[in-house]
Amino acid sequence: MSFYRNAVWFARGLRDYTKGGYESASKNFNPADLDLNVDCSGKSYMITGGNSGIGKCIALDIAKRGGTIHLVCRNKKSAQEAQSEIQKASGNNNVHIHPLDLSDSKSVVEFGRRFVESGTELNVLVNNAGCMINNREIDSNGNEKNFATNTLGTHLLTTSLIPLLSKATQPRVIIVSSGGMLVQKLNVDDWQLEKEKKFDGTMAYAQNKRQQVVMMEQYAKQYPNIHFSAMHPGWADTPAVRSSMPDFYEKMKDRLRTAEQGADTATWLAISEAALQFPSGLFFEDRRPVPTHLPLAWTRSTKEEEAKFMAKLAALTEQFTKN
């Protein structure tokens, strides 16, 4: 089954996830959705991992439209450099940085609490930051590093900011996931892949991305006043891809999307009125909702499995949120 999933996914990727796939899909875009008349002034946008790659492209586009930007980044120096570049390129000085390592669960909760208490307005959260660590690393809390960043960090930040988002007009939460999740079924019993004989960082990442999509679907049900979505950016040429997947990069570098093309749908979900015409809780590729499962891949989980996953996540979250 794994061979089938990977083969079908890769064939689809060659068709849809490459630069050519974007160019083909973009012929059906409505240019008015993201034209220069889309004004973001008076609104506040938080973007994790906004110091490079896709996150930086999202931040720059919104800053050019007058939006207030909050860059949440692990590396302070890199964040400061991105802040300066975005301010200069956009002419918008309302670009703020917040150093935060999403794998540090206690710090994520504390950051969310402080941001809510500050009274700062927040209209849109873009969960873009992520990692792919190819060797098993366990943090001080006993959590595998990929899981701690991609799944738990995203969950802790999102849920901590719900009170603030709920006060905004047309609030949105976007998760930059990955089409790689299509090769994975939600693994409730071994959600941090502790039972795997040989750790595979790529598959851990794909499992995290499946977890993110399930989380997004559950958030949409739990918080109906907020518009939730997840998206796949396609195969884009970013620093993260070059460093985490060097072999893939070397084989595919001539066919990869630009970071701007990879960021397009996330930006569209964050600021366009067209995105809000779709129901909350969908997964998008190239500005259109797409299925979250490959045909005949047996990756669908039951409602009971998804409920169990969310309950385990809530129990883990309590470790960091209780006084």
Protein backbone atom coordinates (compact mmCIF):
# COMPACT_ATOMS: atom_id res chain seq x y z
CA MET A 1 0.00 0.00 0.00
CA SER A 2 2.87 2.41 0.80
CA PHE A 3 4.35 1.79 -2.66
CA TYR A 4 0.97 2.47 -4.30
CA ARG A 5 0.42 5.66 -2.32
CA ASN A 6 3.90 6.99 -3.06
CA ALA A 7 3.69 6.12 -6.76
CA VAL A 8 0.27 7.74 -7.24
CA TRP A 9 1.30 10.78 -5.22
CA PHE A 10 4.55 11.31 -7.15
CA ALA A 11 2.80 10.96 -10.50
CA ARG A 12 0.26 13.52 -9.41
CA GLY A 13 3.04 15.76 -8.13
CA LEU A 14 4.84 15.75 -11.47
CA ARG A 15 1.61 16.92 -13.07
CA ASP A 16 0.24 19.35 -10.48
CA TYR A 17 2.88 20.36 -7.91
CA THR A 18 5.63 21.63 -10.22
CA LYS A 19 6.16 25.01 -11.83
CA GLY A 20 4.30 23.72 -14.88
CA GLY A 21 1.40 22.65 -12.68
CA TYR A 22 1.14 26.14 -11.24
CA GLU A 23 1.33 27.78 -14.66
CA SER A 24 -1.46 25.54 -15.89
CA ALA A 25 -3.65 26.10 -12.82
CA SER A 26 -3.10 29.86 -12.82
CA LYS A 27 -4.86 30.16 -16.18
CA ASN A 28 -8.09 29.63 -14.24
CA PHE A 29 -7.33 32.19 -11.51
CA ASN A 30 -9.51 35.28 -11.25
CA PRO A 31 -6.98 38.14 -11.42
CA ALA A 32 -9.33 40.38 -9.41
CA ASP A 33 -8.95 38.12 -6.37
CA LEU A 34 -5.47 39.45 -5.66
CA ASP A 35 -5.25 42.60 -7.74
CA LEU A 36 -3.86 45.86 -6.41
CA ASN A 37 -7.28 46.90 -5.15
CA VAL A 38 -7.18 44.26 -2.40
CA ASP A 39 -6.41 46.46 0.60
CA CYS A 40 -5.08 45.00 3.86
CA SER A 41 -4.70 48.26 5.77
CA GLY A 42 -6.28 48.30 9.20
CA LYS A 43 -5.84 44.55 9.58
CA SER A 44 -3.23 42.52 11.46
CA TYR A 45 -1.59 39.35 10.17
CA MET A 46 0.60 36.91 12.11
CA ILE A 47 2.85 34.70 9.98
CA THR A 48 5.06 32.03 11.50
CA GLY A 49 8.31 31.30 9.71
CA GLY A 50 7.99 34.62 7.92
CA ASN A 51 11.71 35.25 7.66
CA SER A 52 12.31 33.18 4.52
CA GLY A 53 10.72 31.22 1.70
CA ILE A 54 6.96 31.01 1.44
CA GLY A 55 6.30 32.81 4.73
CA LYS A 56 8.39 35.78 3.70
CA CYS A 57 6.59 36.00 0.35
CA ILE A 58 3.22 36.02 2.11
CA ALA A 59 4.39 38.72 4.52
CA LEU A 60 5.81 40.92 1.76
CA ASP A 61 2.67 40.72 -0.38
CA ILE A 62 0.42 41.66 2.55
CA ALA A 63 2.77 44.41 3.72
CA LYS A 64 2.65 45.98 0.25
CA ARG A 65 -1.13 46.13 0.66
CA GLY A 66 -0.86 48.01 3.95
CA GLY A 67 -1.39 45.16 6.41
CA THR A 68 0.27 45.12 9.82
CA ILE A 69 2.64 42.15 9.92
CA HIS A 70 3.74 40.09 12.92
CA LEU A 71 6.62 37.79 11.99
CA VAL A 72 7.00 34.89 14.41
CA CYS A 73 10.43 33.38 13.80
CA ARG A 74 12.89 31.12 15.61
CA ASN A 75 16.02 33.02 14.52
CA LYS A 76 15.99 36.62 15.73
CA LYS A 77 18.80 37.81 13.44
CA SER A 78 17.16 36.32 10.37
CA ALA A 79 13.83 37.81 11.45
CA GLN A 80 15.39 41.26 11.78
CA GLU A 81 16.89 40.99 8.31
CA ALA A 82 13.53 39.94 6.86
CA GLN A 83 11.80 42.77 8.74
CA SER A 84 14.19 45.31 7.22
CA GLU A 85 13.82 43.88 3.70
CA ILE A 86 10.03 43.79 3.87
CA GLN A 87 9.80 47.32 5.25
CA LYS A 88 12.10 48.63 2.53
CA ALA A 89 10.39 46.75 -0.32
CA SER A 90 6.85 47.58 0.81
CA GLY A 91 7.29 51.06 2.28
CA ASN A 92 5.35 49.73 5.27
CA ASN A 93 6.99 50.10 8.67
CA ASN A 94 4.26 48.14 10.49
CA VAL A 95 6.30 44.95 10.39
CA HIS A 96 7.03 43.51 13.84
CA ILE A 97 9.12 40.54 14.88
CA HIS A 98 8.53 38.04 17.67
CA PRO A 99 11.36 35.57 18.31
CA LEU A 100 9.81 32.19 19.14
CA ASP A 101 10.82 28.56 18.73
CA LEU A 102 7.62 26.63 17.99
CA SER A 103 9.20 23.44 19.29
CA ASP A 104 9.43 25.02 22.76
CA SER A 105 5.91 24.27 23.90
CA LYS A 106 5.98 26.28 27.12
CA SER A 107 7.28 29.34 25.30
CA VAL A 108 4.58 29.04 22.64
CA VAL A 109 1.84 29.04 25.28
CA GLU A 110 3.45 31.96 27.11
CA PHE A 111 3.82 33.94 23.88
CA GLY A 112 0.17 33.37 22.99
CA ARG A 113 -0.94 34.45 26.45
CA ARG A 114 1.13 37.65 26.31
CA PHE A 115 -0.04 38.50 22.80
CA VAL A 116 -3.69 38.11 23.77
CA GLU A 117 -3.22 40.15 26.94
CA SER A 118 -1.47 42.92 24.99
CA GLY A 119 -4.77 43.79 23.34
CA THR A 120 -3.16 43.75 19.90
CA GLU A 121 -5.69 43.12 17.17
CA LEU A 122 -5.31 39.93 15.12
CA ASN A 123 -7.36 39.23 12.02
CA VAL A 124 -5.43 36.41 10.38
CA LEU A 125 -3.01 33.72 11.56
CA VAL A 126 -0.88 31.92 8.97
CA ASN A 127 0.75 28.82 10.42
CA ASN A 128 3.61 28.49 7.97
CA ALA A 129 6.63 27.51 10.08
CA GLY A 130 7.70 23.89 10.08
CA CYS A 131 10.67 21.58 10.07
CA MET A 132 11.84 18.27 8.69
CA ILE A 133 14.50 16.75 10.92
CA ASN A 134 15.80 13.53 9.40
CA ASN A 135 17.10 11.97 12.62
CA ARG A 136 14.97 11.25 15.65
CA GLU A 137 15.45 14.02 18.22
CA ILE A 138 13.54 14.15 21.49
CA ASP A 139 12.99 17.45 23.29
CA SER A 140 13.09 18.07 27.03
CA ASN A 141 9.37 17.27 27.26
CA GLY A 142 9.80 13.87 25.67
CA ASN A 143 8.31 14.84 22.30
CA GLU A 144 9.84 14.13 18.92
CA LYS A 145 11.10 17.41 17.41
CA ASN A 146 9.15 17.29 14.15
CA PHE A 147 5.94 16.59 16.03
CA ALA A 148 6.71 19.24 18.65
CA THR A 149 7.14 21.90 15.95
CA ASN A 150 4.75 20.98 13.17
CA THR A 151 1.84 19.54 15.12
CA LEU A 152 1.98 20.53 18.77
CA GLY A 153 3.48 23.99 18.16
CA THR A 154 0.84 24.79 15.54
CA HIS A 155 -1.92 23.56 17.84
CA LEU A 156 -0.69 25.46 20.90
CA LEU A 157 -0.26 28.73 19.01
CA THR A 158 -3.59 28.48 17.22
CA THR A 159 -5.66 27.59 20.26
CA SER A 160 -3.96 30.20 22.44
CA LEU A 161 -4.89 32.92 19.94
CA ILE A 162 -8.52 31.85 19.48
CA PRO A 163 -9.81 34.42 22.05
CA LEU A 164 -8.16 37.23 20.10
CA LEU A 165 -9.17 35.99 16.65
CA SER A 166 -12.76 35.57 17.83
CA LYS A 167 -13.00 39.33 18.39
CA ALA A 168 -11.97 40.20 14.83
CA THR A 169 -14.13 40.74 11.78
CA GLN A 170 -13.91 37.80 9.36
CA PRO A 171 -11.01 36.13 11.19
CA ARG A 172 -9.06 33.46 9.36
CA VAL A 173 -6.53 30.75 10.20
CA ILE A 174 -4.47 29.15 7.44
CA ILE A 175 -2.18 26.17 7.87
CA VAL A 176 0.53 25.70 5.26
CA SER A 177 0.43 21.92 5.12
CA SER A 178 1.77 19.64 2.39
CA GLY A 179 0.50 17.29 -0.25
CA GLY A 180 2.90 14.80 1.29
CA MET A 181 0.21 14.09 3.86
CA LEU A 182 -1.68 12.20 1.14
CA VAL A 183 0.65 9.21 1.58
CA GLN A 184 -0.13 8.95 5.30
CA LYS A 185 -3.13 7.73 7.28
CA LEU A 186 -3.61 9.39 10.66
CA ASN A 187 -1.65 7.24 13.11
CA VAL A 188 -3.42 7.66 16.41
CA ASP A 189 -1.67 4.95 18.40
CA ASP A 190 1.89 5.84 17.34
CA TRP A 191 1.50 9.52 16.56
CA GLN A 192 5.19 10.30 17.17
CA LEU A 193 6.42 7.18 15.33
CA GLU A 194 8.14 5.72 18.37
CA LYS A 195 7.52 2.16 17.19
CA GLU A 196 9.22 2.61 13.83
CA LYS A 197 12.35 0.44 13.52
CA LYS A 198 14.07 3.03 11.37
CA PHE A 199 13.11 6.67 11.75
CA ASP A 200 12.20 8.40 8.49
CA GLY A 201 12.08 12.18 8.77
CA THR A 202 10.17 12.54 5.50
CA MET A 203 7.41 10.20 6.67
CA ALA A 204 7.35 11.86 10.11
CA TYR A 205 6.84 15.18 8.33
CA ALA A 206 4.07 13.70 6.17
CA GLN A 207 2.35 12.30 9.27
CA ASN A 208 2.58 15.74 10.92
CA LYS A 209 1.00 17.29 7.85
CA ARG A 210 -1.83 14.76 7.97
CA GLN A 211 -2.27 15.66 11.64
CA GLN A 212 -2.43 19.36 10.74
CA VAL A 213 -5.23 18.78 8.24
CA VAL A 214 -7.24 16.77 10.78
CA MET A 215 -6.68 19.53 13.34
CA MET A 216 -7.86 22.15 10.85
CA GLU A 217 -11.02 20.20 10.09
CA GLN A 218 -11.77 19.85 13.79
CA TYR A 219 -11.09 23.54 14.49
CA ALA A 220 -13.60 24.46 11.79
CA LYS A 221 -16.29 22.51 13.64
CA GLN A 222 -15.29 23.79 17.07
CA TYR A 223 -14.94 27.49 16.18
CA PRO A 224 -17.54 28.28 13.50
CA ASN A 225 -16.97 32.04 13.73
CA ILE A 226 -13.41 31.65 12.37
CA HIS A 227 -12.63 30.60 8.79
CA PHE A 228 -10.09 27.74 8.84
CA SER A 229 -8.27 26.29 5.85
CA ALA A 230 -5.13 24.35 4.98
CA MET A 231 -3.19 24.36 1.76
CA HIS A 232 -0.43 22.66 -0.19
CA PRO A 233 2.06 25.09 -1.75
CA GLY A 234 3.29 22.59 -4.31
CA TRP A 235 6.94 21.73 -4.75
CA ALA A 236 8.64 25.09 -4.29
CA ASP A 237 12.27 26.17 -4.29
CA THR A 238 12.76 27.33 -0.70
CA PRO A 239 15.67 27.24 1.76
CA ALA A 240 13.79 24.57 3.74
CA VAL A 241 13.51 22.25 0.73
CA ARG A 242 17.18 22.73 -0.16
CA SER A 243 18.38 21.94 3.36
CA SER A 244 15.92 19.19 4.38
CA MET A 245 15.54 17.40 1.04
CA PRO A 246 18.82 17.91 -0.86
CA ASP A 247 18.44 14.82 -3.06
CA PHE A 248 14.90 15.77 -4.04
CA TYR A 249 16.04 19.31 -4.72
CA GLU A 250 18.88 18.22 -7.00
CA LYS A 251 16.58 15.97 -9.03
CA MET A 252 13.71 18.44 -9.28
CA LYS A 253 15.32 21.90 -9.09
CA ASP A 254 14.56 22.78 -12.70
CA ARG A 255 10.86 21.97 -12.21
CA LEU A 256 10.28 23.53 -8.79
CA ARG A 257 7.92 26.44 -8.29
CA THR A 258 9.25 29.76 -7.13
CA ALA A 259 8.62 30.65 -3.51
CA GLU A 260 6.15 33.29 -4.74
CA GLN A 261 4.18 30.67 -6.66
CA GLY A 262 4.21 28.43 -3.61
CA ALA A 263 2.90 31.27 -1.46
CA ASP A 264 0.11 32.30 -3.82
CA THR A 265 -2.70 30.17 -2.42
CA ALA A 266 -1.82 30.94 1.20
CA THR A 267 -1.94 34.66 0.43
CA TRP A 268 -5.23 34.17 -1.45
CA LEU A 269 -6.70 32.35 1.55
CA ALA A 270 -5.47 35.07 3.91
CA ILE A 271 -6.75 38.17 2.14
CA SER A 272 -9.15 37.50 -0.73
CA GLU A 273 -12.90 37.79 -0.44
CA ALA A 274 -13.18 34.85 -2.84
CA ALA A 275 -11.65 32.48 -0.29
CA LEU A 276 -14.44 33.22 2.17
CA GLN A 277 -17.02 32.01 -0.32
CA PHE A 278 -15.85 28.47 0.43
CA PRO A 279 -16.87 26.69 3.63
CA SER A 280 -14.46 26.61 6.54
CA GLY A 281 -12.46 23.40 6.96
CA LEU A 282 -11.23 22.71 3.41
CA PHE A 283 -7.83 21.82 1.93
CA PHE A 284 -6.65 23.88 -1.05
CA GLU A 285 -4.23 23.63 -3.95
CA ASP A 286 -3.83 26.48 -6.41
CA ARG A 287 -6.86 28.42 -5.13
CA ARG A 288 -9.27 25.48 -5.31
CA PRO A 289 -10.42 22.96 -2.71
CA VAL A 290 -9.19 19.43 -3.34
CA PRO A 291 -9.75 16.01 -1.70
CA THR A 292 -7.62 15.15 1.31
CA HIS A 293 -7.18 11.53 0.23
CA LEU A 294 -5.86 9.77 -2.85
CA PRO A 295 -8.25 7.31 -4.54
CA LEU A 296 -8.08 3.75 -3.17
CA ALA A 297 -5.25 4.68 -0.79
CA TRP A 298 -7.01 3.62 2.45
CA THR A 299 -5.90 6.73 4.33
CA ARG A 300 -9.28 7.77 5.70
CA SER A 301 -9.62 7.71 9.47
CA THR A 302 -12.82 7.18 11.41
CA LYS A 303 -14.56 9.83 13.48
CA GLU A 304 -13.55 7.84 16.55
CA GLU A 305 -9.88 7.88 15.52
CA GLU A 306 -9.97 11.61 14.91
CA ALA A 307 -11.70 12.20 18.24
CA LYS A 308 -9.07 10.08 19.98
CA PHE A 309 -6.29 12.07 18.29
CA MET A 310 -7.77 15.40 19.38
CA ALA A 311 -8.28 14.08 22.92
CA LYS A 312 -4.63 13.02 23.10
CA LEU A 313 -3.60 16.42 21.79
CA ALA A 314 -5.78 18.15 24.40
CA ALA A 315 -4.26 16.05 27.18
CA LEU A 316 -0.75 16.89 26.00
CA THR A 317 -1.67 20.56 25.70
CA GLU A 318 -2.83 20.60 29.30
CA GLN A 319 0.73 19.90 30.43
CA PHE A 320 1.75 23.32 29.14
CA THR A 321 -1.37 25.37 29.85
CA LYS A 322 -2.22 24.43 33.41
CA ASN A 323 -1.13 26.90 36.05
